[in-house]
Amino acid sequence: MSVTISPFTQRLYGVQRVCRILPRSTFHWARRPANSAPARSRDPRPPVDDATLLAAIRAGLAASPFSGEGHGKIWAWLHYSLDLPVGRGTVERLGV
């Protein structure tokens, strides 16, 4: 992009002009090496799969004396009582 020659002025576009028109992230993305590794997820997967986690949640809800447990309270129970490193979004996604 920045090394492309303008057909009108016969000059290079330059980094400043390209970054004024396009977002800087687009400029840097275009300059990355072609054989670069794809981006990885930042967080590791939980040690249990969704089916096992859902079964544990349902068993915990059945044993609970309270009704109307929300995903935040269930996440806290999994995180602090069972010591499972599960994200709140995962618990919410499972539809609890």
PDB file of N, CA and C in Angstrom:
ATOM      1  N   MET A   1       0.813  -1.184   0.000  1.00  0.00           N
ATOM      2  CA  MET A   1       0.000   0.000   0.000  1.00  0.00           C
ATOM      3  C   MET A   1       0.864   1.258   0.000  1.00  0.00           C
ATOM      4  N   SER A   2       1.779   1.344   0.982  1.00  0.00           N
ATOM      5  CA  SER A   2       2.569   2.562   1.086  1.00  0.00           C
ATOM      6  C   SER A   2       3.675   2.614   0.033  1.00  0.00           C
ATOM      7  N   VAL A   3       3.988   1.485  -0.583  1.00  0.00           N
ATOM      8  CA  VAL A   3       5.027   1.467  -1.615  1.00  0.00           C
ATOM      9  C   VAL A   3       4.427   1.526  -3.010  1.00  0.00           C
ATOM     10  N   THR A   4       3.125   1.673  -3.096  1.00  0.00           N
ATOM     11  CA  THR A   4       2.457   1.803  -4.385  1.00  0.00           C
ATOM     12  C   THR A   4       2.643   3.220  -4.907  1.00  0.00           C
ATOM     13  N   ILE A   5       2.869   3.338  -6.184  1.00  0.00           N
ATOM     14  CA  ILE A   5       3.085   4.652  -6.800  1.00  0.00           C
ATOM     15  C   ILE A   5       1.753   5.207  -7.276  1.00  0.00           C
ATOM     16  N   SER A   6       1.524   6.457  -6.949  1.00  0.00           N
ATOM     17  CA  SER A   6       0.304   7.128  -7.360  1.00  0.00           C
ATOM     18  C   SER A   6       0.320   7.345  -8.875  1.00  0.00           C
ATOM     19  N   PRO A   7      -0.733   6.979  -9.579  1.00  0.00           N
ATOM     20  CA  PRO A   7      -0.745   7.190 -11.025  1.00  0.00           C
ATOM     21  C   PRO A   7      -0.816   8.673 -11.406  1.00  0.00           C
ATOM     22  N   PHE A   8      -1.300   9.511 -10.499  1.00  0.00           N
ATOM     23  CA  PHE A   8      -1.451  10.927 -10.809  1.00  0.00           C
ATOM     24  C   PHE A   8      -0.159  11.707 -10.560  1.00  0.00           C
ATOM     25  N   THR A   9       0.453  11.516  -9.365  1.00  0.00           N
ATOM     26  CA  THR A   9       1.641  12.296  -9.015  1.00  0.00           C
ATOM     27  C   THR A   9       2.948  11.564  -9.291  1.00  0.00           C
ATOM     28  N   GLN A  10       2.875  10.274  -9.574  1.00  0.00           N
ATOM     29  CA  GLN A  10       4.055   9.443  -9.812  1.00  0.00           C
ATOM     30  C   GLN A  10       4.973   9.391  -8.586  1.00  0.00           C
ATOM     31  N   ARG A  11       4.395   9.520  -7.386  1.00  0.00           N
ATOM     32  CA  ARG A  11       5.152   9.427  -6.142  1.00  0.00           C
ATOM     33  C   ARG A  11       4.566   8.314  -5.288  1.00  0.00           C
ATOM     34  N   LEU A  12       5.362   7.846  -4.325  1.00  0.00           N
ATOM     35  CA  LEU A  12       4.870   6.828  -3.397  1.00  0.00           C
ATOM     36  C   LEU A  12       3.761   7.416  -2.527  1.00  0.00           C
ATOM     37  N   TYR A  13       2.818   6.581  -2.183  1.00  0.00           N
ATOM     38  CA  TYR A  13       1.759   7.047  -1.291  1.00  0.00           C
ATOM     39  C   TYR A  13       2.309   7.355   0.098  1.00  0.00           C
ATOM     40  N   GLY A  14       3.153   6.490   0.637  1.00  0.00           N
ATOM     41  CA  GLY A  14       3.757   6.719   1.941  1.00  0.00           C
ATOM     42  C   GLY A  14       2.890   6.217   3.084  1.00  0.00           C
ATOM     43  N   VAL A  15       3.544   5.967   4.189  1.00  0.00           N
ATOM     44  CA  VAL A  15       2.872   5.403   5.355  1.00  0.00           C
ATOM     45  C   VAL A  15       1.879   6.397   5.959  1.00  0.00           C
ATOM     46  N   GLN A  16       2.258   7.664   6.062  1.00  0.00           N
ATOM     47  CA  GLN A  16       1.362   8.648   6.676  1.00  0.00           C
ATOM     48  C   GLN A  16       0.063   8.795   5.898  1.00  0.00           C
ATOM     49  N   ARG A  17       0.146   8.878   4.592  1.00  0.00           N
ATOM     50  CA  ARG A  17      -1.065   9.046   3.792  1.00  0.00           C
ATOM     51  C   ARG A  17      -1.954   7.802   3.864  1.00  0.00           C
ATOM     52  N   VAL A  18      -1.337   6.639   3.825  1.00  0.00           N
ATOM     53  CA  VAL A  18      -2.120   5.402   3.914  1.00  0.00           C
ATOM     54  C   VAL A  18      -2.802   5.310   5.277  1.00  0.00           C
ATOM     55  N   CYS A  19      -2.091   5.661   6.345  1.00  0.00           N
ATOM     56  CA  CYS A  19      -2.675   5.575   7.682  1.00  0.00           C
ATOM     57  C   CYS A  19      -3.712   6.674   7.933  1.00  0.00           C
ATOM     58  N   ARG A  20      -3.671   7.748   7.180  1.00  0.00           N
ATOM     59  CA  ARG A  20      -4.712   8.772   7.287  1.00  0.00           C
ATOM     60  C   ARG A  20      -6.017   8.266   6.687  1.00  0.00           C
ATOM     61  N   ILE A  21      -5.919   7.467   5.643  1.00  0.00           N
ATOM     62  CA  ILE A  21      -7.108   6.988   4.948  1.00  0.00           C
ATOM     63  C   ILE A  21      -7.628   5.690   5.546  1.00  0.00           C
ATOM     64  N   LEU A  22      -6.725   4.760   5.817  1.00  0.00           N
ATOM     65  CA  LEU A  22      -7.101   3.457   6.361  1.00  0.00           C
ATOM     66  C   LEU A  22      -6.717   3.376   7.836  1.00  0.00           C
ATOM     67  N   PRO A  23      -7.363   2.489   8.591  1.00  0.00           N
ATOM     68  CA  PRO A  23      -6.926   2.293   9.977  1.00  0.00           C
ATOM     69  C   PRO A  23      -5.507   1.729  10.012  1.00  0.00           C
ATOM     70  N   ARG A  24      -4.759   2.106  11.036  1.00  0.00           N
ATOM     71  CA  ARG A  24      -3.378   1.628  11.144  1.00  0.00           C
ATOM     72  C   ARG A  24      -3.307   0.117  11.237  1.00  0.00           C
ATOM     73  N   SER A  25      -4.308  -0.500  11.856  1.00  0.00           N
ATOM     74  CA  SER A  25      -4.289  -1.958  11.977  1.00  0.00           C
ATOM     75  C   SER A  25      -4.349  -2.614  10.598  1.00  0.00           C
ATOM     76  N   THR A  26      -5.075  -2.000   9.659  1.00  0.00           N
ATOM     77  CA  THR A  26      -5.132  -2.534   8.296  1.00  0.00           C
ATOM     78  C   THR A  26      -3.771  -2.440   7.640  1.00  0.00           C
ATOM     79  N   PHE A  27      -3.079  -1.351   7.853  1.00  0.00           N
ATOM     80  CA  PHE A  27      -1.750  -1.181   7.275  1.00  0.00           C
ATOM     81  C   PHE A  27      -0.788  -2.235   7.818  1.00  0.00           C
ATOM     82  N   HIS A  28      -0.798  -2.428   9.144  1.00  0.00           N
ATOM     83  CA  HIS A  28       0.122  -3.395   9.740  1.00  0.00           C
ATOM     84  C   HIS A  28      -0.273  -4.820   9.385  1.00  0.00           C
ATOM     85  N   TRP A  29      -1.570  -5.096   9.247  1.00  0.00           N
ATOM     86  CA  TRP A  29      -2.019  -6.432   8.847  1.00  0.00           C
ATOM     87  C   TRP A  29      -1.520  -6.760   7.448  1.00  0.00           C
ATOM     88  N   ALA A  30      -1.530  -5.785   6.564  1.00  0.00           N
ATOM     89  CA  ALA A  30      -1.079  -6.024   5.199  1.00  0.00           C
ATOM     90  C   ALA A  30       0.430  -6.240   5.137  1.00  0.00           C
ATOM     91  N   ARG A  31       1.165  -5.731   6.113  1.00  0.00           N
ATOM     92  CA  ARG A  31       2.626  -5.875   6.110  1.00  0.00           C
ATOM     93  C   ARG A  31       3.117  -7.120   6.828  1.00  0.00           C
ATOM     94  N   ARG A  32       2.213  -7.910   7.424  1.00  0.00           N
ATOM     95  CA  ARG A  32       2.659  -9.089   8.153  1.00  0.00           C
ATOM     96  C   ARG A  32       3.244 -10.115   7.195  1.00  0.00           C
ATOM     97  N   PRO A  33       4.130 -10.962   7.668  1.00  0.00           N
ATOM     98  CA  PRO A  33       4.698 -11.987   6.803  1.00  0.00           C
ATOM     99  C   PRO A  33       3.623 -12.960   6.325  1.00  0.00           C
ATOM    100  N   ALA A  34       3.781 -13.456   5.131  1.00  0.00           N
ATOM    101  CA  ALA A  34       2.773 -14.344   4.549  1.00  0.00           C
ATOM    102  C   ALA A  34       2.696 -15.676   5.283  1.00  0.00           C
ATOM    103  N   ASN A  35       3.794 -16.109   5.869  1.00  0.00           N
ATOM    104  CA  ASN A  35       3.793 -17.404   6.545  1.00  0.00           C
ATOM    105  C   ASN A  35       3.630 -17.268   8.055  1.00  0.00           C
ATOM    106  N   SER A  36       3.055 -16.185   8.527  1.00  0.00           N
ATOM    107  CA  SER A  36       2.884 -15.991   9.964  1.00  0.00           C
ATOM    108  C   SER A  36       1.802 -16.929  10.488  1.00  0.00           C
ATOM    109  N   ALA A  37       1.945 -17.308  11.736  1.00  0.00           N
ATOM    110  CA  ALA A  37       1.007 -18.235  12.356  1.00  0.00           C
ATOM    111  C   ALA A  37      -0.316 -17.524  12.628  1.00  0.00           C
ATOM    112  N   PRO A  38      -1.431 -18.231  12.542  1.00  0.00           N
ATOM    113  CA  PRO A  38      -2.713 -17.596  12.853  1.00  0.00           C
ATOM    114  C   PRO A  38      -2.807 -17.255  14.340  1.00  0.00           C
ATOM    115  N   ALA A  39      -3.646 -16.305  14.656  1.00  0.00           N
ATOM    116  CA  ALA A  39      -3.800 -15.869  16.039  1.00  0.00           C
ATOM    117  C   ALA A  39      -4.403 -16.985  16.876  1.00  0.00           C
ATOM    118  N   ARG A  40      -3.855 -17.164  18.071  1.00  0.00           N
ATOM    119  CA  ARG A  40      -4.357 -18.181  18.978  1.00  0.00           C
ATOM    120  C   ARG A  40      -5.313 -17.555  19.969  1.00  0.00           C
ATOM    121  N   SER A  41      -6.133 -18.379  20.551  1.00  0.00           N
ATOM    122  CA  SER A  41      -6.996 -17.918  21.621  1.00  0.00           C
ATOM    123  C   SER A  41      -6.143 -17.575  22.828  1.00  0.00           C
ATOM    124  N   ARG A  42      -6.475 -16.520  23.524  1.00  0.00           N
ATOM    125  CA  ARG A  42      -5.673 -16.103  24.665  1.00  0.00           C
ATOM    126  C   ARG A  42      -5.883 -17.002  25.871  1.00  0.00           C
ATOM    127  N   ASP A  43      -7.084 -17.516  26.016  1.00  0.00           N
ATOM    128  CA  ASP A  43      -7.396 -18.322  27.188  1.00  0.00           C
ATOM    129  C   ASP A  43      -7.381 -19.804  26.832  1.00  0.00           C
ATOM    130  N   PRO A  44      -6.895 -20.624  27.755  1.00  0.00           N
ATOM    131  CA  PRO A  44      -6.945 -22.062  27.489  1.00  0.00           C
ATOM    132  C   PRO A  44      -8.373 -22.585  27.617  1.00  0.00           C
ATOM    133  N   ARG A  45      -8.611 -23.710  27.023  1.00  0.00           N
ATOM    134  CA  ARG A  45      -9.918 -24.346  27.136  1.00  0.00           C
ATOM    135  C   ARG A  45     -10.102 -24.855  28.561  1.00  0.00           C
ATOM    136  N   PRO A  46     -11.348 -24.871  29.057  1.00  0.00           N
ATOM    137  CA  PRO A  46     -11.568 -25.430  30.390  1.00  0.00           C
ATOM    138  C   PRO A  46     -11.247 -26.928  30.393  1.00  0.00           C
ATOM    139  N   PRO A  47     -10.914 -27.473  31.553  1.00  0.00           N
ATOM    140  CA  PRO A  47     -10.521 -28.884  31.608  1.00  0.00           C
ATOM    141  C   PRO A  47     -11.669 -29.854  31.357  1.00  0.00           C
ATOM    142  N   VAL A  48     -12.895 -29.371  31.336  1.00  0.00           N
ATOM    143  CA  VAL A  48     -14.037 -30.247  31.068  1.00  0.00           C
ATOM    144  C   VAL A  48     -14.754 -29.758  29.820  1.00  0.00           C
ATOM    145  N   ASP A  49     -15.398 -30.674  29.121  1.00  0.00           N
ATOM    146  CA  ASP A  49     -16.149 -30.278  27.933  1.00  0.00           C
ATOM    147  C   ASP A  49     -17.526 -29.777  28.345  1.00  0.00           C
ATOM    148  N   ASP A  50     -18.276 -29.257  27.369  1.00  0.00           N
ATOM    149  CA  ASP A  50     -19.567 -28.628  27.662  1.00  0.00           C
ATOM    150  C   ASP A  50     -20.580 -29.613  28.236  1.00  0.00           C
ATOM    151  N   ALA A  51     -20.600 -30.830  27.722  1.00  0.00           N
ATOM    152  CA  ALA A  51     -21.587 -31.811  28.192  1.00  0.00           C
ATOM    153  C   ALA A  51     -21.336 -32.172  29.661  1.00  0.00           C
ATOM    154  N   THR A  52     -20.093 -32.396  30.030  1.00  0.00           N
ATOM    155  CA  THR A  52     -19.758 -32.718  31.418  1.00  0.00           C
ATOM    156  C   THR A  52     -20.037 -31.527  32.329  1.00  0.00           C
ATOM    157  N   LEU A  53     -19.714 -30.332  31.857  1.00  0.00           N
ATOM    158  CA  LEU A  53     -19.960 -29.123  32.637  1.00  0.00           C
ATOM    159  C   LEU A  53     -21.453 -28.909  32.856  1.00  0.00           C
ATOM    160  N   LEU A  54     -22.245 -29.135  31.827  1.00  0.00           N
ATOM    161  CA  LEU A  54     -23.690 -28.972  31.950  1.00  0.00           C
ATOM    162  C   LEU A  54     -24.268 -29.996  32.922  1.00  0.00           C
ATOM    163  N   ALA A  55     -23.750 -31.213  32.886  1.00  0.00           N
ATOM    164  CA  ALA A  55     -24.209 -32.240  33.829  1.00  0.00           C
ATOM    165  C   ALA A  55     -23.854 -31.852  35.261  1.00  0.00           C
ATOM    166  N   ALA A  56     -22.663 -31.298  35.473  1.00  0.00           N
ATOM    167  CA  ALA A  56     -22.255 -30.859  36.814  1.00  0.00           C
ATOM    168  C   ALA A  56     -23.127 -29.707  37.292  1.00  0.00           C
ATOM    169  N   ILE A  57     -23.455 -28.806  36.391  1.00  0.00           N
ATOM    170  CA  ILE A  57     -24.304 -27.666  36.760  1.00  0.00           C
ATOM    171  C   ILE A  57     -25.700 -28.146  37.140  1.00  0.00           C
ATOM    172  N   ARG A  58     -26.257 -29.041  36.344  1.00  0.00           N
ATOM    173  CA  ARG A  58     -27.609 -29.546  36.646  1.00  0.00           C
ATOM    174  C   ARG A  58     -27.633 -30.318  37.960  1.00  0.00           C
ATOM    175  N   ALA A  59     -26.585 -31.089  38.241  1.00  0.00           N
ATOM    176  CA  ALA A  59     -26.519 -31.810  39.513  1.00  0.00           C
ATOM    177  C   ALA A  59     -26.415 -30.825  40.670  1.00  0.00           C
ATOM    178  N   GLY A  60     -25.642 -29.777  40.491  1.00  0.00           N
ATOM    179  CA  GLY A  60     -25.528 -28.764  41.533  1.00  0.00           C
ATOM    180  C   GLY A  60     -26.829 -28.016  41.768  1.00  0.00           C
ATOM    181  N   LEU A  61     -27.559 -27.740  40.687  1.00  0.00           N
ATOM    182  CA  LEU A  61     -28.853 -27.062  40.836  1.00  0.00           C
ATOM    183  C   LEU A  61     -29.873 -27.960  41.521  1.00  0.00           C
ATOM    184  N   ALA A  62     -29.829 -29.258  41.233  1.00  0.00           N
ATOM    185  CA  ALA A  62     -30.762 -30.186  41.861  1.00  0.00           C
ATOM    186  C   ALA A  62     -30.470 -30.316  43.357  1.00  0.00           C
ATOM    187  N   ALA A  63     -29.201 -30.242  43.739  1.00  0.00           N
ATOM    188  CA  ALA A  63     -28.832 -30.379  45.146  1.00  0.00           C
ATOM    189  C   ALA A  63     -28.983 -29.079  45.925  1.00  0.00           C
ATOM    190  N   SER A  64     -29.129 -27.967  45.240  1.00  0.00           N
ATOM    191  CA  SER A  64     -29.213 -26.673  45.904  1.00  0.00           C
ATOM    192  C   SER A  64     -30.581 -26.479  46.556  1.00  0.00           C
ATOM    193  N   PRO A  65     -30.604 -25.954  47.788  1.00  0.00           N
ATOM    194  CA  PRO A  65     -31.894 -25.696  48.431  1.00  0.00           C
ATOM    195  C   PRO A  65     -32.572 -24.424  47.911  1.00  0.00           C
ATOM    196  N   PHE A  66     -31.858 -23.651  47.123  1.00  0.00           N
ATOM    197  CA  PHE A  66     -32.397 -22.385  46.632  1.00  0.00           C
ATOM    198  C   PHE A  66     -32.973 -22.565  45.233  1.00  0.00           C
ATOM    199  N   SER A  67     -33.864 -21.661  44.859  1.00  0.00           N
ATOM    200  CA  SER A  67     -34.390 -21.665  43.498  1.00  0.00           C
ATOM    201  C   SER A  67     -34.008 -20.346  42.840  1.00  0.00           C
ATOM    202  N   GLY A  68     -33.950 -20.332  41.533  1.00  0.00           N
ATOM    203  CA  GLY A  68     -33.650 -19.109  40.815  1.00  0.00           C
ATOM    204  C   GLY A  68     -32.182 -18.744  40.792  1.00  0.00           C
ATOM    205  N   GLU A  69     -31.331 -19.721  40.690  1.00  0.00           N
ATOM    206  CA  GLU A  69     -29.894 -19.463  40.626  1.00  0.00           C
ATOM    207  C   GLU A  69     -29.553 -18.868  39.263  1.00  0.00           C
ATOM    208  N   GLY A  70     -28.814 -17.787  39.250  1.00  0.00           N
ATOM    209  CA  GLY A  70     -28.384 -17.174  38.007  1.00  0.00           C
ATOM    210  C   GLY A  70     -27.015 -17.676  37.596  1.00  0.00           C
ATOM    211  N   HIS A  71     -26.599 -17.271  36.388  1.00  0.00           N
ATOM    212  CA  HIS A  71     -25.318 -17.782  35.893  1.00  0.00           C
ATOM    213  C   HIS A  71     -24.128 -17.266  36.701  1.00  0.00           C
ATOM    214  N   GLY A  72     -24.258 -16.095  37.298  1.00  0.00           N
ATOM    215  CA  GLY A  72     -23.167 -15.572  38.118  1.00  0.00           C
ATOM    216  C   GLY A  72     -22.950 -16.388  39.381  1.00  0.00           C
ATOM    217  N   LYS A  73     -24.046 -16.768  40.014  1.00  0.00           N
ATOM    218  CA  LYS A  73     -23.943 -17.567  41.229  1.00  0.00           C
ATOM    219  C   LYS A  73     -23.458 -18.983  40.904  1.00  0.00           C
ATOM    220  N   ILE A  74     -23.903 -19.515  39.787  1.00  0.00           N
ATOM    221  CA  ILE A  74     -23.456 -20.844  39.379  1.00  0.00           C
ATOM    222  C   ILE A  74     -21.977 -20.809  39.016  1.00  0.00           C
ATOM    223  N   TRP A  75     -21.547 -19.739  38.347  1.00  0.00           N
ATOM    224  CA  TRP A  75     -20.122 -19.610  38.022  1.00  0.00           C
ATOM    225  C   TRP A  75     -19.292 -19.566  39.292  1.00  0.00           C
ATOM    226  N   ALA A  76     -19.742 -18.802  40.283  1.00  0.00           N
ATOM    227  CA  ALA A  76     -19.007 -18.699  41.543  1.00  0.00           C
ATOM    228  C   ALA A  76     -18.943 -20.058  42.236  1.00  0.00           C
ATOM    229  N   TRP A  77     -20.023 -20.809  42.196  1.00  0.00           N
ATOM    230  CA  TRP A  77     -20.036 -22.149  42.792  1.00  0.00           C
ATOM    231  C   TRP A  77     -19.034 -23.059  42.086  1.00  0.00           C
ATOM    232  N   LEU A  78     -19.011 -23.021  40.753  1.00  0.00           N
ATOM    233  CA  LEU A  78     -18.057 -23.839  40.002  1.00  0.00           C
ATOM    234  C   LEU A  78     -16.624 -23.392  40.273  1.00  0.00           C
ATOM    235  N   HIS A  79     -16.419 -22.101  40.305  1.00  0.00           N
ATOM    236  CA  HIS A  79     -15.076 -21.541  40.426  1.00  0.00           C
ATOM    237  C   HIS A  79     -14.490 -21.746  41.824  1.00  0.00           C
ATOM    238  N   TYR A  80     -15.278 -21.457  42.851  1.00  0.00           N
ATOM    239  CA  TYR A  80     -14.749 -21.485  44.211  1.00  0.00           C
ATOM    240  C   TYR A  80     -14.961 -22.813  44.920  1.00  0.00           C
ATOM    241  N   SER A  81     -16.080 -23.480  44.689  1.00  0.00           N
ATOM    242  CA  SER A  81     -16.329 -24.741  45.386  1.00  0.00           C
ATOM    243  C   SER A  81     -15.695 -25.926  44.665  1.00  0.00           C
ATOM    244  N   LEU A  82     -15.911 -26.011  43.354  1.00  0.00           N
ATOM    245  CA  LEU A  82     -15.373 -27.142  42.599  1.00  0.00           C
ATOM    246  C   LEU A  82     -14.001 -26.865  42.009  1.00  0.00           C
ATOM    247  N   ASP A  83     -13.536 -25.632  42.113  1.00  0.00           N
ATOM    248  CA  ASP A  83     -12.213 -25.227  41.614  1.00  0.00           C
ATOM    249  C   ASP A  83     -12.056 -25.505  40.118  1.00  0.00           C
ATOM    250  N   LEU A  84     -13.110 -25.221  39.354  1.00  0.00           N
ATOM    251  CA  LEU A  84     -13.078 -25.369  37.894  1.00  0.00           C
ATOM    252  C   LEU A  84     -12.827 -24.009  37.256  1.00  0.00           C
ATOM    253  N   PRO A  85     -11.786 -23.870  36.469  1.00  0.00           N
ATOM    254  CA  PRO A  85     -11.536 -22.579  35.807  1.00  0.00           C
ATOM    255  C   PRO A  85     -12.420 -22.414  34.575  1.00  0.00           C
ATOM    256  N   VAL A  86     -13.665 -22.060  34.802  1.00  0.00           N
ATOM    257  CA  VAL A  86     -14.645 -21.895  33.727  1.00  0.00           C
ATOM    258  C   VAL A  86     -15.029 -20.427  33.676  1.00  0.00           C
ATOM    259  N   GLY A  87     -15.174 -19.892  32.469  1.00  0.00           N
ATOM    260  CA  GLY A  87     -15.541 -18.503  32.317  1.00  0.00           C
ATOM    261  C   GLY A  87     -17.029 -18.279  32.548  1.00  0.00           C
ATOM    262  N   ARG A  88     -17.365 -17.057  32.942  1.00  0.00           N
ATOM    263  CA  ARG A  88     -18.781 -16.725  33.152  1.00  0.00           C
ATOM    264  C   ARG A  88     -19.570 -16.817  31.860  1.00  0.00           C
ATOM    265  N   GLY A  89     -18.929 -16.419  30.758  1.00  0.00           N
ATOM    266  CA  GLY A  89     -19.600 -16.497  29.464  1.00  0.00           C
ATOM    267  C   GLY A  89     -19.930 -17.920  29.072  1.00  0.00           C
ATOM    268  N   THR A  90     -19.082 -18.865  29.464  1.00  0.00           N
ATOM    269  CA  THR A  90     -19.350 -20.275  29.165  1.00  0.00           C
ATOM    270  C   THR A  90     -20.570 -20.754  29.911  1.00  0.00           C
ATOM    271  N   VAL A  91     -20.676 -20.374  31.168  1.00  0.00           N
ATOM    272  CA  VAL A  91     -21.839 -20.766  31.972  1.00  0.00           C
ATOM    273  C   VAL A  91     -23.102 -20.128  31.396  1.00  0.00           C
ATOM    274  N   GLU A  92     -23.004 -18.885  31.008  1.00  0.00           N
ATOM    275  CA  GLU A  92     -24.168 -18.206  30.437  1.00  0.00           C
ATOM    276  C   GLU A  92     -24.551 -18.807  29.086  1.00  0.00           C
ATOM    277  N   ARG A  93     -23.544 -19.172  28.287  1.00  0.00           N
ATOM    278  CA  ARG A  93     -23.794 -19.751  26.968  1.00  0.00           C
ATOM    279  C   ARG A  93     -24.495 -21.088  27.061  1.00  0.00           C
ATOM    280  N   LEU A  94     -24.213 -21.835  28.123  1.00  0.00           N
ATOM    281  CA  LEU A  94     -24.846 -23.136  28.283  1.00  0.00           C
ATOM    282  C   LEU A  94     -26.318 -23.015  28.644  1.00  0.00           C
ATOM    283  N   GLY A  95     -26.778 -21.807  28.875  1.00  0.00           N
ATOM    284  CA  GLY A  95     -28.211 -21.575  29.077  1.00  0.00           C
ATOM    285  C   GLY A  95     -28.678 -21.867  30.483  1.00  0.00           C
ATOM    286  N   VAL A  96     -27.832 -21.618  31.450  1.00  0.00           N
ATOM    287  CA  VAL A  96     -28.213 -21.886  32.832  1.00  0.00           C
ATOM    288  C   VAL A  96     -28.949 -20.685  33.370  1.00  0.00           C
TER     289      VAL A  96
END
